[in-house]
Amino acid sequence: MIINLIDSDVKIIRDKSRLRPEKSKVKRLLGSNEKIKKLTPGTQKKTLDEGIKETLQWFKSNLHRYKAGIYNV
């Protein structure tokens, strides 16, 4: 979705050192927004598409803050 919104021919590169080990007990991590929805009912103001576009705009305006050469968590 992001690649399409920024109209880029960027390629996704996987860093093998950051992939989950084959013998890991956890095969896949899944997130859920159920808890935040219960704690903040009726507060969703934006769609996913709107939120992604707003985030992309923030990055464009704040590239000087982003450290692309290091792994950020």
PDB file of N, CA and C in Angstrom:
ATOM      1  N   MET A   1       0.831  -1.183   0.000  1.00  0.00           N
ATOM      2  CA  MET A   1       0.000   0.000   0.000  1.00  0.00           C
ATOM      3  C   MET A   1       0.881   1.255   0.000  1.00  0.00           C
ATOM      4  N   ILE A   2       1.909   1.260   0.847  1.00  0.00           N
ATOM      5  CA  ILE A   2       2.780   2.433   0.939  1.00  0.00           C
ATOM      6  C   ILE A   2       3.559   2.630  -0.355  1.00  0.00           C
ATOM      7  N   ILE A   3       4.080   1.552  -0.918  1.00  0.00           N
ATOM      8  CA  ILE A   3       4.829   1.654  -2.168  1.00  0.00           C
ATOM      9  C   ILE A   3       3.943   2.242  -3.257  1.00  0.00           C
ATOM     10  N   ASN A   4       2.685   1.827  -3.320  1.00  0.00           N
ATOM     11  CA  ASN A   4       1.764   2.366  -4.316  1.00  0.00           C
ATOM     12  C   ASN A   4       1.474   3.843  -4.062  1.00  0.00           C
ATOM     13  N   LEU A   5       1.312   4.235  -2.809  1.00  0.00           N
ATOM     14  CA  LEU A   5       1.004   5.632  -2.487  1.00  0.00           C
ATOM     15  C   LEU A   5       2.160   6.572  -2.811  1.00  0.00           C
ATOM     16  N   ILE A   6       3.393   6.103  -2.661  1.00  0.00           N
ATOM     17  CA  ILE A   6       4.527   6.976  -2.964  1.00  0.00           C
ATOM     18  C   ILE A   6       4.978   6.828  -4.414  1.00  0.00           C
ATOM     19  N   ASP A   7       4.286   5.967  -5.163  1.00  0.00           N
ATOM     20  CA  ASP A   7       4.554   5.767  -6.586  1.00  0.00           C
ATOM     21  C   ASP A   7       6.043   5.516  -6.829  1.00  0.00           C
ATOM     22  N   SER A   8       6.530   4.438  -6.208  1.00  0.00           N
ATOM     23  CA  SER A   8       7.952   4.130  -6.266  1.00  0.00           C
ATOM     24  C   SER A   8       8.183   2.736  -6.819  1.00  0.00           C
ATOM     25  N   ASP A   9       9.370   2.538  -7.377  1.00  0.00           N
ATOM     26  CA  ASP A   9       9.741   1.207  -7.851  1.00  0.00           C
ATOM     27  C   ASP A   9      10.679   0.532  -6.851  1.00  0.00           C
ATOM     28  N   VAL A  10      10.558   0.915  -5.590  1.00  0.00           N
ATOM     29  CA  VAL A  10      11.393   0.377  -4.517  1.00  0.00           C
ATOM     30  C   VAL A  10      11.204  -1.141  -4.408  1.00  0.00           C
ATOM     31  N   LYS A  11      12.271  -1.820  -4.039  1.00  0.00           N
ATOM     32  CA  LYS A  11      12.209  -3.266  -3.841  1.00  0.00           C
ATOM     33  C   LYS A  11      12.383  -3.560  -2.355  1.00  0.00           C
ATOM     34  N   ILE A  12      11.642  -4.520  -1.844  1.00  0.00           N
ATOM     35  CA  ILE A  12      11.746  -4.925  -0.449  1.00  0.00           C
ATOM     36  C   ILE A  12      12.890  -5.914  -0.321  1.00  0.00           C
ATOM     37  N   ILE A  13      13.807  -5.614   0.589  1.00  0.00           N
ATOM     38  CA  ILE A  13      14.965  -6.475   0.811  1.00  0.00           C
ATOM     39  C   ILE A  13      14.849  -7.084   2.206  1.00  0.00           C
ATOM     40  N   ARG A  14      14.994  -8.396   2.308  1.00  0.00           N
ATOM     41  CA  ARG A  14      14.939  -9.074   3.606  1.00  0.00           C
ATOM     42  C   ARG A  14      16.348  -9.255   4.154  1.00  0.00           C
ATOM     43  N   ASP A  15      16.543  -8.844   5.387  1.00  0.00           N
ATOM     44  CA  ASP A  15      17.817  -9.024   6.064  1.00  0.00           C
ATOM     45  C   ASP A  15      17.719 -10.327   6.851  1.00  0.00           C
ATOM     46  N   LYS A  16      18.446 -11.348   6.422  1.00  0.00           N
ATOM     47  CA  LYS A  16      18.344 -12.672   7.046  1.00  0.00           C
ATOM     48  C   LYS A  16      18.628 -12.644   8.541  1.00  0.00           C
ATOM     49  N   SER A  17      19.464 -11.714   8.993  1.00  0.00           N
ATOM     50  CA  SER A  17      19.780 -11.656  10.424  1.00  0.00           C
ATOM     51  C   SER A  17      18.598 -11.162  11.254  1.00  0.00           C
ATOM     52  N   ARG A  18      17.581 -10.576  10.601  1.00  0.00           N
ATOM     53  CA  ARG A  18      16.418 -10.068  11.332  1.00  0.00           C
ATOM     54  C   ARG A  18      15.184 -10.961  11.172  1.00  0.00           C
ATOM     55  N   LEU A  19      15.321 -12.076  10.456  1.00  0.00           N
ATOM     56  CA  LEU A  19      14.201 -12.997  10.283  1.00  0.00           C
ATOM     57  C   LEU A  19      14.093 -13.927  11.489  1.00  0.00           C
ATOM     58  N   ARG A  20      12.889 -14.393  11.756  1.00  0.00           N
ATOM     59  CA  ARG A  20      12.662 -15.326  12.857  1.00  0.00           C
ATOM     60  C   ARG A  20      13.368 -16.644  12.555  1.00  0.00           C
ATOM     61  N   PRO A  21      14.112 -17.189  13.529  1.00  0.00           N
ATOM     62  CA  PRO A  21      14.804 -18.467  13.308  1.00  0.00           C
ATOM     63  C   PRO A  21      13.827 -19.584  12.940  1.00  0.00           C
ATOM     64  N   GLU A  22      14.286 -20.513  12.110  1.00  0.00           N
ATOM     65  CA  GLU A  22      13.421 -21.617  11.662  1.00  0.00           C
ATOM     66  C   GLU A  22      12.880 -22.442  12.819  1.00  0.00           C
ATOM     67  N   LYS A  23      13.675 -22.656  13.863  1.00  0.00           N
ATOM     68  CA  LYS A  23      13.250 -23.500  14.980  1.00  0.00           C
ATOM     69  C   LYS A  23      12.547 -22.705  16.080  1.00  0.00           C
ATOM     70  N   SER A  24      12.140 -21.491  15.778  1.00  0.00           N
ATOM     71  CA  SER A  24      11.437 -20.659  16.748  1.00  0.00           C
ATOM     72  C   SER A  24      10.083 -21.284  17.088  1.00  0.00           C
ATOM     73  N   LYS A  25       9.700 -21.217  18.350  1.00  0.00           N
ATOM     74  CA  LYS A  25       8.402 -21.765  18.764  1.00  0.00           C
ATOM     75  C   LYS A  25       7.255 -20.909  18.237  1.00  0.00           C
ATOM     76  N   VAL A  26       7.530 -19.642  18.007  1.00  0.00           N
ATOM     77  CA  VAL A  26       6.507 -18.732  17.487  1.00  0.00           C
ATOM     78  C   VAL A  26       6.687 -18.636  15.977  1.00  0.00           C
ATOM     79  N   LYS A  27       5.701 -19.083  15.239  1.00  0.00           N
ATOM     80  CA  LYS A  27       5.795 -19.085  13.779  1.00  0.00           C
ATOM     81  C   LYS A  27       5.398 -17.739  13.184  1.00  0.00           C
ATOM     82  N   ARG A  28       4.439 -17.074  13.837  1.00  0.00           N
ATOM     83  CA  ARG A  28       3.928 -15.824  13.276  1.00  0.00           C
ATOM     84  C   ARG A  28       3.395 -14.955  14.399  1.00  0.00           C
ATOM     85  N   LEU A  29       3.677 -13.662  14.344  1.00  0.00           N
ATOM     86  CA  LEU A  29       3.157 -12.723  15.328  1.00  0.00           C
ATOM     87  C   LEU A  29       1.981 -11.974  14.714  1.00  0.00           C
ATOM     88  N   LEU A  30       0.916 -11.899  15.442  1.00  0.00           N
ATOM     89  CA  LEU A  30      -0.269 -11.198  14.964  1.00  0.00           C
ATOM     90  C   LEU A  30      -0.635 -10.100  15.955  1.00  0.00           C
ATOM     91  N   GLY A  31      -0.933  -8.927  15.435  1.00  0.00           N
ATOM     92  CA  GLY A  31      -1.365  -7.829  16.295  1.00  0.00           C
ATOM     93  C   GLY A  31      -2.880  -7.740  16.299  1.00  0.00           C
ATOM     94  N   SER A  32      -3.416  -7.106  17.319  1.00  0.00           N
ATOM     95  CA  SER A  32      -4.855  -6.908  17.411  1.00  0.00           C
ATOM     96  C   SER A  32      -5.126  -5.518  17.966  1.00  0.00           C
ATOM     97  N   ASN A  33      -6.142  -4.878  17.433  1.00  0.00           N
ATOM     98  CA  ASN A  33      -6.533  -3.568  17.941  1.00  0.00           C
ATOM     99  C   ASN A  33      -7.767  -3.653  18.846  1.00  0.00           C
ATOM    100  N   GLU A  34      -8.160  -4.840  19.247  1.00  0.00           N
ATOM    101  CA  GLU A  34      -9.364  -5.017  20.059  1.00  0.00           C
ATOM    102  C   GLU A  34      -9.280  -4.287  21.407  1.00  0.00           C
ATOM    103  N   LYS A  35      -8.134  -4.363  22.081  1.00  0.00           N
ATOM    104  CA  LYS A  35      -8.007  -3.738  23.393  1.00  0.00           C
ATOM    105  C   LYS A  35      -8.144  -2.218  23.293  1.00  0.00           C
ATOM    106  N   ILE A  36      -7.477  -1.598  22.340  1.00  0.00           N
ATOM    107  CA  ILE A  36      -7.572  -0.145  22.208  1.00  0.00           C
ATOM    108  C   ILE A  36      -8.979   0.273  21.795  1.00  0.00           C
ATOM    109  N   LYS A  37      -9.652  -0.556  20.997  1.00  0.00           N
ATOM    110  CA  LYS A  37     -11.027  -0.239  20.606  1.00  0.00           C
ATOM    111  C   LYS A  37     -11.963  -0.279  21.809  1.00  0.00           C
ATOM    112  N   LYS A  38     -11.743  -1.232  22.729  1.00  0.00           N
ATOM    113  CA  LYS A  38     -12.574  -1.315  23.938  1.00  0.00           C
ATOM    114  C   LYS A  38     -12.309  -0.144  24.875  1.00  0.00           C
ATOM    115  N   LEU A  39     -11.037   0.278  24.960  1.00  0.00           N
ATOM    116  CA  LEU A  39     -10.660   1.356  25.870  1.00  0.00           C
ATOM    117  C   LEU A  39     -10.990   2.741  25.328  1.00  0.00           C
ATOM    118  N   THR A  40     -11.149   2.870  24.028  1.00  0.00           N
ATOM    119  CA  THR A  40     -11.433   4.168  23.412  1.00  0.00           C
ATOM    120  C   THR A  40     -12.568   4.043  22.396  1.00  0.00           C
ATOM    121  N   PRO A  41     -13.772   3.685  22.847  1.00  0.00           N
ATOM    122  CA  PRO A  41     -14.873   3.471  21.900  1.00  0.00           C
ATOM    123  C   PRO A  41     -15.235   4.737  21.120  1.00  0.00           C
ATOM    124  N   GLY A  42     -15.444   4.556  19.833  1.00  0.00           N
ATOM    125  CA  GLY A  42     -15.912   5.652  18.985  1.00  0.00           C
ATOM    126  C   GLY A  42     -14.887   6.727  18.704  1.00  0.00           C
ATOM    127  N   THR A  43     -13.597   6.448  18.929  1.00  0.00           N
ATOM    128  CA  THR A  43     -12.606   7.496  18.726  1.00  0.00           C
ATOM    129  C   THR A  43     -11.872   7.402  17.394  1.00  0.00           C
ATOM    130  N   GLN A  44     -12.163   6.393  16.591  1.00  0.00           N
ATOM    131  CA  GLN A  44     -11.483   6.286  15.304  1.00  0.00           C
ATOM    132  C   GLN A  44     -11.922   7.434  14.414  1.00  0.00           C
ATOM    133  N   LYS A  45     -10.959   8.247  14.018  1.00  0.00           N
ATOM    134  CA  LYS A  45     -11.261   9.438  13.221  1.00  0.00           C
ATOM    135  C   LYS A  45     -10.794   9.303  11.777  1.00  0.00           C
ATOM    136  N   LYS A  46      -9.896   8.376  11.524  1.00  0.00           N
ATOM    137  CA  LYS A  46      -9.312   8.246  10.192  1.00  0.00           C
ATOM    138  C   LYS A  46      -9.375   6.797   9.717  1.00  0.00           C
ATOM    139  N   THR A  47      -9.409   6.656   8.417  1.00  0.00           N
ATOM    140  CA  THR A  47      -9.298   5.327   7.828  1.00  0.00           C
ATOM    141  C   THR A  47      -7.818   4.948   7.778  1.00  0.00           C
ATOM    142  N   LEU A  48      -7.519   3.701   7.514  1.00  0.00           N
ATOM    143  CA  LEU A  48      -6.133   3.260   7.372  1.00  0.00           C
ATOM    144  C   LEU A  48      -5.451   4.053   6.266  1.00  0.00           C
ATOM    145  N   ASP A  49      -6.126   4.232   5.149  1.00  0.00           N
ATOM    146  CA  ASP A  49      -5.582   4.970   4.015  1.00  0.00           C
ATOM    147  C   ASP A  49      -5.234   6.409   4.418  1.00  0.00           C
ATOM    148  N   GLU A  50      -6.131   7.071   5.137  1.00  0.00           N
ATOM    149  CA  GLU A  50      -5.871   8.443   5.600  1.00  0.00           C
ATOM    150  C   GLU A  50      -4.681   8.476   6.566  1.00  0.00           C
ATOM    151  N   GLY A  51      -4.620   7.514   7.461  1.00  0.00           N
ATOM    152  CA  GLY A  51      -3.532   7.465   8.426  1.00  0.00           C
ATOM    153  C   GLY A  51      -2.192   7.235   7.763  1.00  0.00           C
ATOM    154  N   ILE A  52      -2.150   6.347   6.773  1.00  0.00           N
ATOM    155  CA  ILE A  52      -0.905   6.088   6.039  1.00  0.00           C
ATOM    156  C   ILE A  52      -0.469   7.353   5.294  1.00  0.00           C
ATOM    157  N   LYS A  53      -1.413   8.023   4.630  1.00  0.00           N
ATOM    158  CA  LYS A  53      -1.083   9.248   3.897  1.00  0.00           C
ATOM    159  C   LYS A  53      -0.556  10.326   4.843  1.00  0.00           C
ATOM    160  N   GLU A  54      -1.166  10.464   6.007  1.00  0.00           N
ATOM    161  CA  GLU A  54      -0.713  11.455   6.986  1.00  0.00           C
ATOM    162  C   GLU A  54       0.689  11.107   7.494  1.00  0.00           C
ATOM    163  N   THR A  55       0.932   9.825   7.731  1.00  0.00           N
ATOM    164  CA  THR A  55       2.251   9.380   8.188  1.00  0.00           C
ATOM    165  C   THR A  55       3.310   9.643   7.126  1.00  0.00           C
ATOM    166  N   LEU A  56       2.999   9.353   5.867  1.00  0.00           N
ATOM    167  CA  LEU A  56       3.935   9.619   4.776  1.00  0.00           C
ATOM    168  C   LEU A  56       4.257  11.110   4.686  1.00  0.00           C
ATOM    169  N   GLN A  57       3.248  11.946   4.856  1.00  0.00           N
ATOM    170  CA  GLN A  57       3.470  13.390   4.825  1.00  0.00           C
ATOM    171  C   GLN A  57       4.385  13.820   5.972  1.00  0.00           C
ATOM    172  N   TRP A  58       4.189  13.223   7.165  1.00  0.00           N
ATOM    173  CA  TRP A  58       5.053  13.540   8.303  1.00  0.00           C
ATOM    174  C   TRP A  58       6.505  13.187   7.979  1.00  0.00           C
ATOM    175  N   PHE A  59       6.721  11.996   7.407  1.00  0.00           N
ATOM    176  CA  PHE A  59       8.088  11.586   7.062  1.00  0.00           C
ATOM    177  C   PHE A  59       8.708  12.536   6.040  1.00  0.00           C
ATOM    178  N   LYS A  60       7.920  12.951   5.035  1.00  0.00           N
ATOM    179  CA  LYS A  60       8.446  13.887   4.040  1.00  0.00           C
ATOM    180  C   LYS A  60       8.890  15.189   4.697  1.00  0.00           C
ATOM    181  N   SER A  61       8.144  15.649   5.684  1.00  0.00           N
ATOM    182  CA  SER A  61       8.448  16.903   6.366  1.00  0.00           C
ATOM    183  C   SER A  61       9.537  16.750   7.428  1.00  0.00           C
ATOM    184  N   ASN A  62       9.839  15.518   7.824  1.00  0.00           N
ATOM    185  CA  ASN A  62      10.770  15.281   8.922  1.00  0.00           C
ATOM    186  C   ASN A  62      11.911  14.332   8.577  1.00  0.00           C
ATOM    187  N   LEU A  63      12.278  14.264   7.314  1.00  0.00           N
ATOM    188  CA  LEU A  63      13.351  13.356   6.902  1.00  0.00           C
ATOM    189  C   LEU A  63      14.653  13.634   7.643  1.00  0.00           C
ATOM    190  N   HIS A  64      14.881  14.864   8.040  1.00  0.00           N
ATOM    191  CA  HIS A  64      16.101  15.212   8.765  1.00  0.00           C
ATOM    192  C   HIS A  64      16.180  14.524  10.128  1.00  0.00           C
ATOM    193  N   ARG A  65      15.058  14.061  10.666  1.00  0.00           N
ATOM    194  CA  ARG A  65      15.028  13.369  11.955  1.00  0.00           C
ATOM    195  C   ARG A  65      15.245  11.860  11.823  1.00  0.00           C
ATOM    196  N   TYR A  66      15.054  11.321  10.635  1.00  0.00           N
ATOM    197  CA  TYR A  66      15.090   9.881  10.428  1.00  0.00           C
ATOM    198  C   TYR A  66      16.508   9.406  10.186  1.00  0.00           C
ATOM    199  N   LYS A  67      16.929   8.395  10.931  1.00  0.00           N
ATOM    200  CA  LYS A  67      18.277   7.844  10.813  1.00  0.00           C
ATOM    201  C   LYS A  67      18.213   6.535  10.028  1.00  0.00           C
ATOM    202  N   ALA A  68      18.308   6.659   8.725  1.00  0.00           N
ATOM    203  CA  ALA A  68      18.146   5.496   7.855  1.00  0.00           C
ATOM    204  C   ALA A  68      19.272   4.481   7.979  1.00  0.00           C
ATOM    205  N   GLY A  69      20.430   4.890   8.468  1.00  0.00           N
ATOM    206  CA  GLY A  69      21.577   3.997   8.527  1.00  0.00           C
ATOM    207  C   GLY A  69      21.635   3.088   9.735  1.00  0.00           C
ATOM    208  N   ILE A  70      20.652   3.216  10.653  1.00  0.00           N
ATOM    209  CA  ILE A  70      20.661   2.360  11.846  1.00  0.00           C
ATOM    210  C   ILE A  70      19.321   1.656  11.987  1.00  0.00           C
ATOM    211  N   TYR A  71      19.321   0.557  12.729  1.00  0.00           N
ATOM    212  CA  TYR A  71      18.102  -0.195  12.972  1.00  0.00           C
ATOM    213  C   TYR A  71      17.362   0.434  14.141  1.00  0.00           C
ATOM    214  N   ASN A  72      16.204   1.018  13.862  1.00  0.00           N
ATOM    215  CA  ASN A  72      15.385   1.663  14.882  1.00  0.00           C
ATOM    216  C   ASN A  72      14.242   0.750  15.297  1.00  0.00           C
ATOM    217  N   VAL A  73      13.985   0.689  16.574  1.00  0.00           N
ATOM    218  CA  VAL A  73      12.863  -0.111  17.061  1.00  0.00           C
ATOM    219  C   VAL A  73      11.799   0.828  17.563  1.00  0.00           C
TER     220      VAL A  73
END
